[in-house]
Protein backbone atom coordinates (compact mmCIF):
# COMPACT_ATOMS: atom_id res chain seq x y z
CA UNK A 1 -46.48 -25.28 13.50
CA UNK A 2 -48.98 -27.88 12.85
CA UNK A 3 -51.65 -25.36 12.34
CA UNK A 4 -49.36 -23.95 9.27
CA UNK A 5 -49.17 -27.40 7.49
CA UNK A 6 -51.95 -26.55 5.10
CA UNK A 7 -50.47 -23.24 4.12
CA UNK A 8 -47.07 -24.93 3.71
CA UNK A 9 -48.50 -27.75 1.60
CA UNK A 10 -50.33 -24.92 -0.48
CA UNK A 11 -47.10 -22.95 -0.92
CA UNK A 12 -45.30 -25.89 -2.16
CA UNK A 13 -48.24 -26.69 -4.87
CA UNK A 14 -47.67 -22.82 -5.88
CA UNK A 15 -44.18 -23.55 -6.21
CA UNK A 16 -44.66 -26.67 -8.14
CA UNK A 17 -47.21 -24.97 -10.45
CA UNK A 18 -45.03 -22.21 -10.88
CA UNK A 19 -42.01 -24.28 -12.02
CA UNK A 20 -44.35 -25.99 -14.71
CA UNK A 21 -42.93 -24.99 -18.23
CA UNK A 22 -45.38 -22.45 -19.73
CA UNK A 23 -46.55 -24.98 -22.59
CA UNK A 24 -47.36 -27.75 -19.97
CA UNK A 25 -50.03 -25.28 -18.15
CA UNK A 26 -53.59 -25.86 -19.13
CA UNK A 27 -54.53 -23.84 -22.12
CA UNK A 28 -57.73 -21.77 -21.87
CA UNK A 29 -59.66 -20.58 -24.95
CA UNK A 30 -61.31 -17.90 -23.31
CA UNK A 31 -61.73 -14.00 -24.18
CA UNK A 32 -58.49 -12.66 -24.06
CA UNK A 33 -59.49 -9.70 -21.82
CA UNK A 34 -60.84 -12.02 -18.97
CA UNK A 35 -57.27 -13.82 -18.83
CA UNK A 36 -58.12 -16.83 -16.46
CA UNK A 37 -54.42 -16.85 -15.77
CA UNK A 38 -55.06 -13.86 -13.63
CA UNK A 39 -58.17 -15.14 -11.91
CA UNK A 40 -56.24 -18.21 -11.28
CA UNK A 41 -53.57 -16.14 -9.64
CA UNK A 42 -55.90 -14.18 -7.44
CA UNK A 43 -57.71 -17.48 -6.07
CA UNK A 44 -54.40 -19.37 -5.53
CA UNK A 45 -53.20 -16.53 -3.52
CA UNK A 46 -56.46 -15.68 -1.71
CA UNK A 47 -56.32 -19.23 -0.50
CA UNK A 48 -52.61 -18.97 0.45
CA UNK A 49 -53.29 -15.96 2.63
CA UNK A 50 -56.51 -17.70 4.26
CA UNK A 51 -54.53 -20.52 5.06
CA UNK A 52 -51.76 -18.38 6.77
CA UNK A 53 -54.31 -16.43 8.64
CA UNK A 54 -56.13 -19.52 9.70
CA UNK A 55 -52.93 -20.89 11.25
CA UNK A 56 -52.00 -17.68 12.74
CA UNK A 57 -55.42 -17.52 14.50
CA UNK A 58 -54.97 -21.33 15.51
CA UNK A 59 -51.30 -20.52 16.83
CA UNK A 60 -51.72 -17.44 18.85
CA UNK A 61 -55.31 -17.82 19.86
CA UNK A 62 -56.13 -14.19 19.76
CA UNK A 63 -59.62 -12.88 18.15
CA UNK A 64 -59.35 -10.57 16.67
CA UNK A 65 -55.70 -10.77 15.50
CA UNK A 66 -53.68 -7.88 16.18
CA UNK A 67 -53.24 -5.57 12.91
CA UNK A 68 -49.53 -5.82 12.78
CA UNK A 69 -50.04 -9.66 12.57
CA UNK A 70 -52.46 -9.35 9.87
CA UNK A 71 -50.17 -7.00 7.95
CA UNK A 72 -47.27 -9.31 8.53
CA UNK A 73 -49.02 -12.29 7.26
CA UNK A 74 -50.54 -10.45 4.07
CA UNK A 75 -46.79 -9.22 3.65
CA UNK A 76 -45.65 -12.75 3.64
CA UNK A 77 -48.12 -13.89 1.00
CA UNK A 78 -47.28 -10.93 -1.26
CA UNK A 79 -43.61 -11.31 -1.03
CA UNK A 80 -44.09 -15.15 -1.78
CA UNK A 81 -46.05 -14.18 -5.04
CA UNK A 82 -43.02 -11.86 -5.93
CA UNK A 83 -40.37 -14.34 -5.34
CA UNK A 84 -42.30 -16.98 -7.36
CA UNK A 85 -42.37 -14.59 -10.24
CA UNK A 86 -38.64 -13.91 -9.89
CA UNK A 87 -37.83 -17.58 -9.46
CA UNK A 88 -39.95 -18.19 -12.71
CA UNK A 89 -37.68 -15.49 -14.60
CA UNK A 90 -34.51 -16.97 -13.13
CA UNK A 91 -34.83 -20.83 -12.63
CA UNK A 92 -37.60 -22.19 -14.73
CA UNK A 93 -37.18 -22.78 -18.40
CA UNK A 94 -40.33 -21.98 -20.59
CA UNK A 95 -41.47 -19.41 -17.55
CA UNK A 96 -41.09 -15.92 -17.57
CA UNK A 97 -41.62 -12.67 -15.05
CA UNK A 98 -44.87 -10.93 -15.47
CA UNK A 99 -45.99 -7.73 -13.54
CA UNK A 100 -49.51 -8.43 -14.12
CA UNK A 101 -49.26 -11.81 -12.35
CA UNK A 102 -47.68 -9.99 -9.39
CA UNK A 103 -50.49 -7.77 -9.48
CA UNK A 104 -52.93 -10.74 -9.30
CA UNK A 105 -50.97 -12.15 -6.47
CA UNK A 106 -51.40 -9.09 -4.60
CA UNK A 107 -55.13 -8.64 -5.26
CA UNK A 108 -55.61 -12.23 -4.26
CA UNK A 109 -53.56 -11.79 -1.10
CA UNK A 110 -56.08 -9.23 -0.01
CA UNK A 111 -59.01 -11.07 -1.20
CA UNK A 112 -57.94 -13.91 1.06
CA UNK A 113 -57.82 -11.23 4.05
CA UNK A 114 -61.45 -9.87 2.71
CA UNK A 115 -62.83 -13.42 2.44
CA UNK A 116 -61.54 -14.46 6.10
CA UNK A 117 -62.91 -11.43 7.54
CA UNK A 118 -66.30 -11.72 5.75
CA UNK A 119 -66.60 -15.42 6.90
């Protein structure tokens, strides 16, 4: 369990940020097409996936990780991202459900896997 503390803390941070009202989020005055919000989603979920995979490696002490374990970890990150969007829509005033955010979360989850495999 101790190996998953960084991932759990990161997931809590995602929950807190996801619950912030939309007008309380930092504003970016960049090109509309660049959408820093989506880049943020990719980075945050890449880190979450990396932390989950790191905790899994430390916990089961297997290198390389079995493919089904990797799939499970990435699926957990993806489902967490989807659930955060659903929670924003249902429970957090001033926040909404955005399919593009879900896509960015999924891309981030796979980016985290790719980065961990690369490094």
